[in-house]
Amino acid sequence: MRLAQQIILAPELLDALQETQPGVFEKALKHELENQPAGTLPLEKGTNRGGFVDDSDISVSVIDVKQHDNSIQARVGVFFTEIIAGCGCGDDPMPENAYCEMLISIDTTTCAAGFEVIQQ
């Protein structure tokens, strides 16, 4: 499977995998994704109405995590704002709540993460 976009995540994320307490990795992944610089995540592929992405305040839900030999597969849901142009009064842009799911593949040796928006 070819993932659409790659970024390097913080190595501390992999340290969270070593924790035995349930939910530690999921919490670290959520924090890491929510604190990426604007424009890093490929949210534009998850818009419903062809609008622009405002990712200044996103919220991430970790749905599922599977650990493999050299990688981690995570399915996450991302809540963000989609700005719809020319939709409001006087053609003012209208913000709309948006949601998309992504499959993230994390290489456990390099922390490189590939992202693919899952079309629903």
PDB file of N, CA and C in Angstrom:
ATOM      1  N   MET A   1       0.837  -1.172   0.000  1.00  0.00           N
ATOM      2  CA  MET A   1       0.000   0.000   0.000  1.00  0.00           C
ATOM      3  C   MET A   1       0.886   1.239   0.000  1.00  0.00           C
ATOM      4  N   ARG A   2       0.584   2.175  -0.846  1.00  0.00           N
ATOM      5  CA  ARG A   2       1.347   3.419  -0.942  1.00  0.00           C
ATOM      6  C   ARG A   2       0.613   4.499  -0.158  1.00  0.00           C
ATOM      7  N   LEU A   3       1.295   5.068   0.823  1.00  0.00           N
ATOM      8  CA  LEU A   3       0.678   6.100   1.638  1.00  0.00           C
ATOM      9  C   LEU A   3       0.964   7.465   1.042  1.00  0.00           C
ATOM     10  N   ALA A   4      -0.003   8.349   1.172  1.00  0.00           N
ATOM     11  CA  ALA A   4       0.007   9.610   0.458  1.00  0.00           C
ATOM     12  C   ALA A   4       1.078  10.593   0.897  1.00  0.00           C
ATOM     13  N   GLN A   5       1.350  10.686   2.154  1.00  0.00           N
ATOM     14  CA  GLN A   5       2.249  11.717   2.647  1.00  0.00           C
ATOM     15  C   GLN A   5       3.064  11.158   3.793  1.00  0.00           C
ATOM     16  N   GLN A   6       4.309  11.602   3.930  1.00  0.00           N
ATOM     17  CA  GLN A   6       5.143  11.140   5.029  1.00  0.00           C
ATOM     18  C   GLN A   6       5.684  12.304   5.832  1.00  0.00           C
ATOM     19  N   ILE A   7       5.731  12.110   7.154  1.00  0.00           N
ATOM     20  CA  ILE A   7       6.383  13.064   8.051  1.00  0.00           C
ATOM     21  C   ILE A   7       7.182  12.242   9.071  1.00  0.00           C
ATOM     22  N   ILE A   8       8.079  12.890   9.780  1.00  0.00           N
ATOM     23  CA  ILE A   8       8.846  12.238  10.833  1.00  0.00           C
ATOM     24  C   ILE A   8       8.232  12.630  12.179  1.00  0.00           C
ATOM     25  N   LEU A   9       7.846  11.628  12.948  1.00  0.00           N
ATOM     26  CA  LEU A   9       7.262  11.874  14.260  1.00  0.00           C
ATOM     27  C   LEU A   9       8.355  11.868  15.321  1.00  0.00           C
ATOM     28  N   ALA A  10       8.033  12.363  16.487  1.00  0.00           N
ATOM     29  CA  ALA A  10       9.000  12.426  17.582  1.00  0.00           C
ATOM     30  C   ALA A  10       9.387  11.025  18.038  1.00  0.00           C
ATOM     31  N   PRO A  11      10.673  10.786  18.252  1.00  0.00           N
ATOM     32  CA  PRO A  11      11.124   9.474  18.724  1.00  0.00           C
ATOM     33  C   PRO A  11      10.495   9.065  20.058  1.00  0.00           C
ATOM     34  N   GLU A  12      10.094  10.046  20.858  1.00  0.00           N
ATOM     35  CA  GLU A  12       9.476   9.744  22.151  1.00  0.00           C
ATOM     36  C   GLU A  12       8.195   8.933  21.974  1.00  0.00           C
ATOM     37  N   LEU A  13       7.583   9.064  20.811  1.00  0.00           N
ATOM     38  CA  LEU A  13       6.368   8.300  20.533  1.00  0.00           C
ATOM     39  C   LEU A  13       6.650   6.807  20.606  1.00  0.00           C
ATOM     40  N   LEU A  14       7.796   6.393  20.088  1.00  0.00           N
ATOM     41  CA  LEU A  14       8.153   4.979  20.127  1.00  0.00           C
ATOM     42  C   LEU A  14       8.494   4.533  21.543  1.00  0.00           C
ATOM     43  N   ASP A  15       8.987   5.458  22.357  1.00  0.00           N
ATOM     44  CA  ASP A  15       9.248   5.122  23.756  1.00  0.00           C
ATOM     45  C   ASP A  15       7.945   4.735  24.463  1.00  0.00           C
ATOM     46  N   ALA A  16       6.856   5.362  24.046  1.00  0.00           N
ATOM     47  CA  ALA A  16       5.560   5.082  24.663  1.00  0.00           C
ATOM     48  C   ALA A  16       5.111   3.652  24.381  1.00  0.00           C
ATOM     49  N   LEU A  17       5.616   3.050  23.326  1.00  0.00           N
ATOM     50  CA  LEU A  17       5.278   1.662  23.015  1.00  0.00           C
ATOM     51  C   LEU A  17       5.808   0.701  24.064  1.00  0.00           C
ATOM     52  N   GLN A  18       6.884   1.082  24.720  1.00  0.00           N
ATOM     53  CA  GLN A  18       7.511   0.206  25.702  1.00  0.00           C
ATOM     54  C   GLN A  18       6.742   0.172  27.024  1.00  0.00           C
ATOM     55  N   GLU A  19       5.834   1.120  27.203  1.00  0.00           N
ATOM     56  CA  GLU A  19       5.046   1.174  28.430  1.00  0.00           C
ATOM     57  C   GLU A  19       4.084  -0.002  28.494  1.00  0.00           C
ATOM     58  N   THR A  20       3.902  -0.551  29.675  1.00  0.00           N
ATOM     59  CA  THR A  20       3.005  -1.684  29.831  1.00  0.00           C
ATOM     60  C   THR A  20       1.575  -1.254  30.157  1.00  0.00           C
ATOM     61  N   GLN A  21       1.414  -0.016  30.578  1.00  0.00           N
ATOM     62  CA  GLN A  21       0.074   0.457  30.904  1.00  0.00           C
ATOM     63  C   GLN A  21      -0.739   0.651  29.630  1.00  0.00           C
ATOM     64  N   PRO A  22      -1.988   0.191  29.624  1.00  0.00           N
ATOM     65  CA  PRO A  22      -2.829   0.371  28.444  1.00  0.00           C
ATOM     66  C   PRO A  22      -3.087   1.856  28.178  1.00  0.00           C
ATOM     67  N   GLY A  23      -3.109   2.217  26.907  1.00  0.00           N
ATOM     68  CA  GLY A  23      -3.465   3.574  26.507  1.00  0.00           C
ATOM     69  C   GLY A  23      -2.321   4.568  26.453  1.00  0.00           C
ATOM     70  N   VAL A  24      -1.122   4.205  26.891  1.00  0.00           N
ATOM     71  CA  VAL A  24      -0.007   5.156  26.909  1.00  0.00           C
ATOM     72  C   VAL A  24       0.386   5.538  25.489  1.00  0.00           C
ATOM     73  N   PHE A  25       0.537   4.554  24.589  1.00  0.00           N
ATOM     74  CA  PHE A  25       0.907   4.864  23.214  1.00  0.00           C
ATOM     75  C   PHE A  25      -0.182   5.681  22.532  1.00  0.00           C
ATOM     76  N   GLU A  26      -1.431   5.312  22.721  1.00  0.00           N
ATOM     77  CA  GLU A  26      -2.542   6.027  22.100  1.00  0.00           C
ATOM     78  C   GLU A  26      -2.568   7.494  22.531  1.00  0.00           C
ATOM     79  N   LYS A  27      -2.324   7.725  23.823  1.00  0.00           N
ATOM     80  CA  LYS A  27      -2.294   9.105  24.338  1.00  0.00           C
ATOM     81  C   LYS A  27      -1.126   9.882  23.722  1.00  0.00           C
ATOM     82  N   ALA A  28       0.044   9.233  23.614  1.00  0.00           N
ATOM     83  CA  ALA A  28       1.217   9.889  23.019  1.00  0.00           C
ATOM     84  C   ALA A  28       0.978  10.185  21.533  1.00  0.00           C
ATOM     85  N   LEU A  29       0.354   9.253  20.816  1.00  0.00           N
ATOM     86  CA  LEU A  29       0.060   9.466  19.394  1.00  0.00           C
ATOM     87  C   LEU A  29      -0.921  10.614  19.212  1.00  0.00           C
ATOM     88  N   LYS A  30      -1.961  10.651  20.003  1.00  0.00           N
ATOM     89  CA  LYS A  30      -2.942  11.743  19.952  1.00  0.00           C
ATOM     90  C   LYS A  30      -2.254  13.087  20.167  1.00  0.00           C
ATOM     91  N   HIS A  31      -1.413  13.162  21.203  1.00  0.00           N
ATOM     92  CA  HIS A  31      -0.692  14.407  21.501  1.00  0.00           C
ATOM     93  C   HIS A  31       0.214  14.816  20.333  1.00  0.00           C
ATOM     94  N   GLU A  32       0.951  13.853  19.786  1.00  0.00           N
ATOM     95  CA  GLU A  32       1.879  14.130  18.685  1.00  0.00           C
ATOM     96  C   GLU A  32       1.130  14.664  17.461  1.00  0.00           C
ATOM     97  N   LEU A  33       0.018  14.041  17.109  1.00  0.00           N
ATOM     98  CA  LEU A  33      -0.737  14.466  15.921  1.00  0.00           C
ATOM     99  C   LEU A  33      -1.401  15.824  16.126  1.00  0.00           C
ATOM    100  N   GLU A  34      -1.941  16.057  17.306  1.00  0.00           N
ATOM    101  CA  GLU A  34      -2.609  17.334  17.578  1.00  0.00           C
ATOM    102  C   GLU A  34      -1.633  18.497  17.635  1.00  0.00           C
ATOM    103  N   ASN A  35      -0.346  18.208  17.807  1.00  0.00           N
ATOM    104  CA  ASN A  35       0.655  19.268  17.912  1.00  0.00           C
ATOM    105  C   ASN A  35       1.544  19.385  16.680  1.00  0.00           C
ATOM    106  N   GLN A  36       1.128  18.789  15.572  1.00  0.00           N
ATOM    107  CA  GLN A  36       1.861  18.963  14.316  1.00  0.00           C
ATOM    108  C   GLN A  36       1.624  20.388  13.802  1.00  0.00           C
ATOM    109  N   PRO A  37       2.597  20.959  13.097  1.00  0.00           N
ATOM    110  CA  PRO A  37       2.388  22.296  12.521  1.00  0.00           C
ATOM    111  C   PRO A  37       1.226  22.280  11.518  1.00  0.00           C
ATOM    112  N   ALA A  38       0.557  23.421  11.406  1.00  0.00           N
ATOM    113  CA  ALA A  38      -0.559  23.545  10.454  1.00  0.00           C
ATOM    114  C   ALA A  38      -0.106  23.123   9.059  1.00  0.00           C
ATOM    115  N   GLY A  39      -0.964  22.408   8.363  1.00  0.00           N
ATOM    116  CA  GLY A  39      -0.668  21.980   7.005  1.00  0.00           C
ATOM    117  C   GLY A  39       0.104  20.676   6.909  1.00  0.00           C
ATOM    118  N   THR A  40       0.474  20.084   8.037  1.00  0.00           N
ATOM    119  CA  THR A  40       1.264  18.854   8.013  1.00  0.00           C
ATOM    120  C   THR A  40       0.422  17.633   7.657  1.00  0.00           C
ATOM    121  N   LEU A  41      -0.724  17.489   8.293  1.00  0.00           N
ATOM    122  CA  LEU A  41      -1.586  16.338   8.026  1.00  0.00           C
ATOM    123  C   LEU A  41      -2.365  16.558   6.733  1.00  0.00           C
ATOM    124  N   PRO A  42      -2.588  15.516   5.941  1.00  0.00           N
ATOM    125  CA  PRO A  42      -3.264  15.673   4.638  1.00  0.00           C
ATOM    126  C   PRO A  42      -4.783  15.778   4.769  1.00  0.00           C
ATOM    127  N   LEU A  43      -5.257  16.720   5.569  1.00  0.00           N
ATOM    128  CA  LEU A  43      -6.688  16.856   5.825  1.00  0.00           C
ATOM    129  C   LEU A  43      -7.477  17.336   4.613  1.00  0.00           C
ATOM    130  N   GLU A  44      -6.810  17.995   3.669  1.00  0.00           N
ATOM    131  CA  GLU A  44      -7.520  18.490   2.487  1.00  0.00           C
ATOM    132  C   GLU A  44      -8.156  17.341   1.706  1.00  0.00           C
ATOM    133  N   LYS A  45      -7.606  16.141   1.862  1.00  0.00           N
ATOM    134  CA  LYS A  45      -8.179  14.973   1.180  1.00  0.00           C
ATOM    135  C   LYS A  45      -9.391  14.435   1.922  1.00  0.00           C
ATOM    136  N   GLY A  46      -9.676  14.984   3.098  1.00  0.00           N
ATOM    137  CA  GLY A  46     -10.808  14.539   3.888  1.00  0.00           C
ATOM    138  C   GLY A  46     -11.948  15.539   3.946  1.00  0.00           C
ATOM    139  N   THR A  47     -11.875  16.594   3.139  1.00  0.00           N
ATOM    140  CA  THR A  47     -12.969  17.565   3.133  1.00  0.00           C
ATOM    141  C   THR A  47     -14.168  16.981   2.378  1.00  0.00           C
ATOM    142  N   ASN A  48     -15.361  17.365   2.803  1.00  0.00           N
ATOM    143  CA  ASN A  48     -16.582  16.841   2.189  1.00  0.00           C
ATOM    144  C   ASN A  48     -17.158  17.748   1.120  1.00  0.00           C
ATOM    145  N   ARG A  49     -16.887  19.044   1.223  1.00  0.00           N
ATOM    146  CA  ARG A  49     -17.537  19.998   0.327  1.00  0.00           C
ATOM    147  C   ARG A  49     -16.543  20.810  -0.491  1.00  0.00           C
ATOM    148  N   GLY A  50     -15.321  20.323  -0.590  1.00  0.00           N
ATOM    149  CA  GLY A  50     -14.331  21.006  -1.412  1.00  0.00           C
ATOM    150  C   GLY A  50     -13.812  22.295  -0.833  1.00  0.00           C
ATOM    151  N   GLY A  51     -13.945  22.477   0.471  1.00  0.00           N
ATOM    152  CA  GLY A  51     -13.502  23.705   1.107  1.00  0.00           C
ATOM    153  C   GLY A  51     -12.033  23.666   1.483  1.00  0.00           C
ATOM    154  N   PHE A  52     -11.629  24.706   2.180  1.00  0.00           N
ATOM    155  CA  PHE A  52     -10.259  24.821   2.668  1.00  0.00           C
ATOM    156  C   PHE A  52     -10.191  24.301   4.095  1.00  0.00           C
ATOM    157  N   VAL A  53      -9.052  23.794   4.480  1.00  0.00           N
ATOM    158  CA  VAL A  53      -8.870  23.238   5.810  1.00  0.00           C
ATOM    159  C   VAL A  53      -8.352  24.313   6.765  1.00  0.00           C
ATOM    160  N   ASP A  54      -9.018  24.431   7.911  1.00  0.00           N
ATOM    161  CA  ASP A  54      -8.502  25.222   9.020  1.00  0.00           C
ATOM    162  C   ASP A  54      -8.103  24.202  10.084  1.00  0.00           C
ATOM    163  N   ASP A  55      -6.817  23.903  10.155  1.00  0.00           N
ATOM    164  CA  ASP A  55      -6.353  22.897  11.109  1.00  0.00           C
ATOM    165  C   ASP A  55      -5.649  23.512  12.310  1.00  0.00           C
ATOM    166  N   SER A  56      -6.044  24.747  12.638  1.00  0.00           N
ATOM    167  CA  SER A  56      -5.421  25.420  13.772  1.00  0.00           C
ATOM    168  C   SER A  56      -5.875  24.836  15.110  1.00  0.00           C
ATOM    169  N   ASP A  57      -6.981  24.105  15.111  1.00  0.00           N
ATOM    170  CA  ASP A  57      -7.491  23.518  16.343  1.00  0.00           C
ATOM    171  C   ASP A  57      -8.135  22.167  16.012  1.00  0.00           C
ATOM    172  N   ILE A  58      -7.300  21.127  15.900  1.00  0.00           N
ATOM    173  CA  ILE A  58      -7.826  19.816  15.560  1.00  0.00           C
ATOM    174  C   ILE A  58      -7.938  18.950  16.815  1.00  0.00           C
ATOM    175  N   SER A  59      -8.760  17.930  16.713  1.00  0.00           N
ATOM    176  CA  SER A  59      -8.890  16.953  17.786  1.00  0.00           C
ATOM    177  C   SER A  59      -8.771  15.565  17.162  1.00  0.00           C
ATOM    178  N   VAL A  60      -7.960  14.709  17.779  1.00  0.00           N
ATOM    179  CA  VAL A  60      -7.691  13.381  17.240  1.00  0.00           C
ATOM    180  C   VAL A  60      -8.233  12.315  18.185  1.00  0.00           C
ATOM    181  N   SER A  61      -8.880  11.317  17.610  1.00  0.00           N
ATOM    182  CA  SER A  61      -9.323  10.133  18.351  1.00  0.00           C
ATOM    183  C   SER A  61      -8.604   8.928  17.777  1.00  0.00           C
ATOM    184  N   VAL A  62      -7.926   8.182  18.618  1.00  0.00           N
ATOM    185  CA  VAL A  62      -7.254   6.961  18.164  1.00  0.00           C
ATOM    186  C   VAL A  62      -8.280   5.838  18.201  1.00  0.00           C
ATOM    187  N   ILE A  63      -8.552   5.267  17.035  1.00  0.00           N
ATOM    188  CA  ILE A  63      -9.583   4.239  16.902  1.00  0.00           C
ATOM    189  C   ILE A  63      -9.011   2.837  17.104  1.00  0.00           C
ATOM    190  N   ASP A  64      -7.842   2.584  16.501  1.00  0.00           N
ATOM    191  CA  ASP A  64      -7.264   1.245  16.562  1.00  0.00           C
ATOM    192  C   ASP A  64      -5.760   1.335  16.345  1.00  0.00           C
ATOM    193  N   VAL A  65      -5.007   0.490  17.039  1.00  0.00           N
ATOM    194  CA  VAL A  65      -3.557   0.416  16.862  1.00  0.00           C
ATOM    195  C   VAL A  65      -3.168  -1.052  16.781  1.00  0.00           C
ATOM    196  N   LYS A  66      -2.357  -1.373  15.770  1.00  0.00           N
ATOM    197  CA  LYS A  66      -1.832  -2.729  15.616  1.00  0.00           C
ATOM    198  C   LYS A  66      -0.331  -2.644  15.451  1.00  0.00           C
ATOM    199  N   GLN A  67       0.387  -3.437  16.240  1.00  0.00           N
ATOM    200  CA  GLN A  67       1.846  -3.441  16.175  1.00  0.00           C
ATOM    201  C   GLN A  67       2.303  -4.643  15.358  1.00  0.00           C
ATOM    202  N   HIS A  68       3.204  -4.394  14.405  1.00  0.00           N
ATOM    203  CA  HIS A  68       3.800  -5.425  13.563  1.00  0.00           C
ATOM    204  C   HIS A  68       5.298  -5.464  13.860  1.00  0.00           C
ATOM    205  N   ASP A  69       6.054  -6.288  13.134  1.00  0.00           N
ATOM    206  CA  ASP A  69       7.488  -6.433  13.397  1.00  0.00           C
ATOM    207  C   ASP A  69       8.241  -5.103  13.361  1.00  0.00           C
ATOM    208  N   ASN A  70       8.133  -4.356  12.256  1.00  0.00           N
ATOM    209  CA  ASN A  70       8.888  -3.106  12.093  1.00  0.00           C
ATOM    210  C   ASN A  70       8.000  -1.884  11.908  1.00  0.00           C
ATOM    211  N   SER A  71       6.717  -2.041  12.174  1.00  0.00           N
ATOM    212  CA  SER A  71       5.824  -0.907  11.976  1.00  0.00           C
ATOM    213  C   SER A  71       4.627  -0.979  12.911  1.00  0.00           C
ATOM    214  N   ILE A  72       3.962   0.146  12.989  1.00  0.00           N
ATOM    215  CA  ILE A  72       2.714   0.266  13.739  1.00  0.00           C
ATOM    216  C   ILE A  72       1.678   0.810  12.769  1.00  0.00           C
ATOM    217  N   GLN A  73       0.514   0.199  12.745  1.00  0.00           N
ATOM    218  CA  GLN A  73      -0.600   0.694  11.943  1.00  0.00           C
ATOM    219  C   GLN A  73      -1.618   1.284  12.908  1.00  0.00           C
ATOM    220  N   ALA A  74      -1.981   2.527  12.694  1.00  0.00           N
ATOM    221  CA  ALA A  74      -2.976   3.172  13.550  1.00  0.00           C
ATOM    222  C   ALA A  74      -4.073   3.764  12.688  1.00  0.00           C
ATOM    223  N   ARG A  75      -5.299   3.592  13.133  1.00  0.00           N
ATOM    224  CA  ARG A  75      -6.437   4.233  12.477  1.00  0.00           C
ATOM    225  C   ARG A  75      -6.912   5.322  13.425  1.00  0.00           C
ATOM    226  N   VAL A  76      -6.964   6.548  12.917  1.00  0.00           N
ATOM    227  CA  VAL A  76      -7.357   7.688  13.749  1.00  0.00           C
ATOM    228  C   VAL A  76      -8.474   8.475  13.072  1.00  0.00           C
ATOM    229  N   GLY A  77      -9.260   9.130  13.891  1.00  0.00           N
ATOM    230  CA  GLY A  77     -10.269  10.068  13.408  1.00  0.00           C
ATOM    231  C   GLY A  77      -9.805  11.471  13.749  1.00  0.00           C
ATOM    232  N   VAL A  78      -9.981  12.393  12.807  1.00  0.00           N
ATOM    233  CA  VAL A  78      -9.531  13.770  13.029  1.00  0.00           C
ATOM    234  C   VAL A  78     -10.711  14.719  12.830  1.00  0.00           C
ATOM    235  N   PHE A  79     -10.982  15.522  13.849  1.00  0.00           N
ATOM    236  CA  PHE A  79     -12.005  16.563  13.774  1.00  0.00           C
ATOM    237  C   PHE A  79     -11.293  17.880  13.473  1.00  0.00           C
ATOM    238  N   PHE A  80     -11.796  18.614  12.478  1.00  0.00           N
ATOM    239  CA  PHE A  80     -11.197  19.890  12.093  1.00  0.00           C
ATOM    240  C   PHE A  80     -12.280  20.784  11.516  1.00  0.00           C
ATOM    241  N   THR A  81     -11.914  21.970  11.086  1.00  0.00           N
ATOM    242  CA  THR A  81     -12.863  22.903  10.490  1.00  0.00           C
ATOM    243  C   THR A  81     -12.598  23.012   8.997  1.00  0.00           C
ATOM    244  N   GLU A  82     -13.668  22.893   8.224  1.00  0.00           N
ATOM    245  CA  GLU A  82     -13.595  23.095   6.777  1.00  0.00           C
ATOM    246  C   GLU A  82     -14.233  24.448   6.473  1.00  0.00           C
ATOM    247  N   ILE A  83     -13.527  25.283   5.735  1.00  0.00           N
ATOM    248  CA  ILE A  83     -14.038  26.607   5.352  1.00  0.00           C
ATOM    249  C   ILE A  83     -14.617  26.500   3.946  1.00  0.00           C
ATOM    250  N   ILE A  84     -15.936  26.717   3.841  1.00  0.00           N
ATOM    251  CA  ILE A  84     -16.633  26.626   2.556  1.00  0.00           C
ATOM    252  C   ILE A  84     -16.743  28.045   1.995  1.00  0.00           C
ATOM    253  N   ALA A  85     -16.145  28.262   0.838  1.00  0.00           N
ATOM    254  CA  ALA A  85     -16.154  29.589   0.211  1.00  0.00           C
ATOM    255  C   ALA A  85     -17.510  29.881  -0.426  1.00  0.00           C
ATOM    256  N   GLY A  86     -17.958  31.137  -0.295  1.00  0.00           N
ATOM    257  CA  GLY A  86     -19.153  31.614  -0.984  1.00  0.00           C
ATOM    258  C   GLY A  86     -20.428  30.912  -0.581  1.00  0.00           C
ATOM    259  N   CYS A  87     -20.539  30.497   0.669  1.00  0.00           N
ATOM    260  CA  CYS A  87     -21.690  29.706   1.085  1.00  0.00           C
ATOM    261  C   CYS A  87     -22.587  30.465   2.065  1.00  0.00           C
ATOM    262  N   GLY A  88     -22.082  31.502   2.676  1.00  0.00           N
ATOM    263  CA  GLY A  88     -22.848  32.226   3.687  1.00  0.00           C
ATOM    264  C   GLY A  88     -23.459  33.492   3.108  1.00  0.00           C
ATOM    265  N   CYS A  89     -23.946  34.319   3.983  1.00  0.00           N
ATOM    266  CA  CYS A  89     -24.533  35.604   3.571  1.00  0.00           C
ATOM    267  C   CYS A  89     -23.494  36.449   2.845  1.00  0.00           C
ATOM    268  N   GLY A  90     -23.869  37.005   1.720  1.00  0.00           N
ATOM    269  CA  GLY A  90     -22.967  37.869   0.973  1.00  0.00           C
ATOM    270  C   GLY A  90     -21.729  37.142   0.481  1.00  0.00           C
ATOM    271  N   ASP A  91     -21.841  35.851   0.260  1.00  0.00           N
ATOM    272  CA  ASP A  91     -20.735  35.024  -0.200  1.00  0.00           C
ATOM    273  C   ASP A  91     -19.568  34.974   0.777  1.00  0.00           C
ATOM    274  N   ASP A  92     -19.843  35.236   2.073  1.00  0.00           N
ATOM    275  CA  ASP A  92     -18.805  35.100   3.087  1.00  0.00           C
ATOM    276  C   ASP A  92     -18.463  33.624   3.266  1.00  0.00           C
ATOM    277  N   PRO A  93     -17.207  33.315   3.524  1.00  0.00           N
ATOM    278  CA  PRO A  93     -16.848  31.918   3.791  1.00  0.00           C
ATOM    279  C   PRO A  93     -17.555  31.418   5.053  1.00  0.00           C
ATOM    280  N   MET A  94     -17.949  30.160   5.021  1.00  0.00           N
ATOM    281  CA  MET A  94     -18.671  29.593   6.147  1.00  0.00           C
ATOM    282  C   MET A  94     -17.874  28.436   6.745  1.00  0.00           C
ATOM    283  N   PRO A  95     -17.563  28.501   8.047  1.00  0.00           N
ATOM    284  CA  PRO A  95     -16.870  27.382   8.682  1.00  0.00           C
ATOM    285  C   PRO A  95     -17.855  26.241   8.955  1.00  0.00           C
ATOM    286  N   GLU A  96     -17.368  25.038   8.778  1.00  0.00           N
ATOM    287  CA  GLU A  96     -18.203  23.857   9.028  1.00  0.00           C
ATOM    288  C   GLU A  96     -17.344  22.801   9.711  1.00  0.00           C
ATOM    289  N   ASN A  97     -17.911  22.145  10.712  1.00  0.00           N
ATOM    290  CA  ASN A  97     -17.186  21.061  11.369  1.00  0.00           C
ATOM    291  C   ASN A  97     -16.972  19.929  10.377  1.00  0.00           C
ATOM    292  N   ALA A  98     -15.791  19.339  10.400  1.00  0.00           N
ATOM    293  CA  ALA A  98     -15.460  18.259   9.473  1.00  0.00           C
ATOM    294  C   ALA A  98     -14.774  17.131  10.228  1.00  0.00           C
ATOM    295  N   TYR A  99     -14.806  15.958   9.613  1.00  0.00           N
ATOM    296  CA  TYR A  99     -14.214  14.771  10.215  1.00  0.00           C
ATOM    297  C   TYR A  99     -13.706  13.867   9.107  1.00  0.00           C
ATOM    298  N   CYS A 100     -12.551  13.283   9.328  1.00  0.00           N
ATOM    299  CA  CYS A 100     -12.069  12.254   8.416  1.00  0.00           C
ATOM    300  C   CYS A 100     -11.278  11.230   9.209  1.00  0.00           C
ATOM    301  N   GLU A 101     -11.140  10.049   8.621  1.00  0.00           N
ATOM    302  CA  GLU A 101     -10.329   9.018   9.241  1.00  0.00           C
ATOM    303  C   GLU A 101      -9.089   8.797   8.396  1.00  0.00           C
ATOM    304  N   MET A 102      -7.990   8.471   9.074  1.00  0.00           N
ATOM    305  CA  MET A 102      -6.715   8.233   8.411  1.00  0.00           C
ATOM    306  C   MET A 102      -6.114   6.933   8.893  1.00  0.00           C
ATOM    307  N   LEU A 103      -5.389   6.299   7.991  1.00  0.00           N
ATOM    308  CA  LEU A 103      -4.553   5.165   8.339  1.00  0.00           C
ATOM    309  C   LEU A 103      -3.135   5.690   8.409  1.00  0.00           C
ATOM    310  N   ILE A 104      -2.464   5.444   9.522  1.00  0.00           N
ATOM    311  CA  ILE A 104      -1.091   5.897   9.712  1.00  0.00           C
ATOM    312  C   ILE A 104      -0.208   4.667   9.845  1.00  0.00           C
ATOM    313  N   SER A 105       0.858   4.635   9.072  1.00  0.00           N
ATOM    314  CA  SER A 105       1.832   3.560   9.160  1.00  0.00           C
ATOM    315  C   SER A 105       3.137   4.170   9.670  1.00  0.00           C
ATOM    316  N   ILE A 106       3.577   3.725  10.847  1.00  0.00           N
ATOM    317  CA  ILE A 106       4.762   4.291  11.490  1.00  0.00           C
ATOM    318  C   ILE A 106       5.883   3.262  11.459  1.00  0.00           C
ATOM    319  N   ASP A 107       6.999   3.639  10.851  1.00  0.00           N
ATOM    320  CA  ASP A 107       8.186   2.788  10.828  1.00  0.00           C
ATOM    321  C   ASP A 107       8.850   2.895  12.201  1.00  0.00           C
ATOM    322  N   THR A 108       8.970   1.777  12.901  1.00  0.00           N
ATOM    323  CA  THR A 108       9.488   1.818  14.274  1.00  0.00           C
ATOM    324  C   THR A 108      11.000   2.012  14.354  1.00  0.00           C
ATOM    325  N   THR A 109      11.706   1.962  13.234  1.00  0.00           N
ATOM    326  CA  THR A 109      13.149   2.205  13.274  1.00  0.00           C
ATOM    327  C   THR A 109      13.494   3.657  12.964  1.00  0.00           C
ATOM    328  N   THR A 110      12.670   4.335  12.174  1.00  0.00           N
ATOM    329  CA  THR A 110      12.984   5.702  11.754  1.00  0.00           C
ATOM    330  C   THR A 110      11.999   6.759  12.257  1.00  0.00           C
ATOM    331  N   CYS A 111      10.854   6.330  12.772  1.00  0.00           N
ATOM    332  CA  CYS A 111       9.756   7.227  13.174  1.00  0.00           C
ATOM    333  C   CYS A 111       9.081   7.906  11.983  1.00  0.00           C
ATOM    334  N   ALA A 112       9.394   7.464  10.761  1.00  0.00           N
ATOM    335  CA  ALA A 112       8.707   8.014   9.592  1.00  0.00           C
ATOM    336  C   ALA A 112       7.270   7.507   9.616  1.00  0.00           C
ATOM    337  N   ALA A 113       6.347   8.403   9.374  1.00  0.00           N
ATOM    338  CA  ALA A 113       4.939   8.042   9.387  1.00  0.00           C
ATOM    339  C   ALA A 113       4.307   8.398   8.054  1.00  0.00           C
ATOM    340  N   GLY A 114       3.623   7.443   7.461  1.00  0.00           N
ATOM    341  CA  GLY A 114       2.880   7.683   6.229  1.00  0.00           C
ATOM    342  C   GLY A 114       1.410   7.798   6.539  1.00  0.00           C
ATOM    343  N   PHE A 115       0.721   8.694   5.839  1.00  0.00           N
ATOM    344  CA  PHE A 115      -0.685   8.963   6.096  1.00  0.00           C
ATOM    345  C   PHE A 115      -1.515   8.700   4.855  1.00  0.00           C
ATOM    346  N   GLU A 116      -2.663   8.085   5.048  1.00  0.00           N
ATOM    347  CA  GLU A 116      -3.617   7.885   3.958  1.00  0.00           C
ATOM    348  C   GLU A 116      -4.997   8.190   4.504  1.00  0.00           C
ATOM    349  N   VAL A 117      -5.710   9.111   3.849  1.00  0.00           N
ATOM    350  CA  VAL A 117      -7.076   9.417   4.255  1.00  0.00           C
ATOM    351  C   VAL A 117      -7.968   8.278   3.765  1.00  0.00           C
ATOM    352  N   ILE A 118      -8.796   7.780   4.647  1.00  0.00           N
ATOM    353  CA  ILE A 118      -9.710   6.697   4.314  1.00  0.00           C
ATOM    354  C   ILE A 118     -11.022   7.326   3.859  1.00  0.00           C
ATOM    355  N   GLN A 119     -11.382   7.079   2.625  1.00  0.00           N
ATOM    356  CA  GLN A 119     -12.625   7.621   2.074  1.00  0.00           C
ATOM    357  C   GLN A 119     -13.802   6.845   2.633  1.00  0.00           C
ATOM    358  N   GLN A 120     -14.796   7.568   3.095  1.00  0.00           N
ATOM    359  CA  GLN A 120     -15.982   6.914   3.682  1.00  0.00           C
ATOM    360  C   GLN A 120     -17.184   7.081   2.807  1.00  0.00           C
TER     361      GLN A 120
END
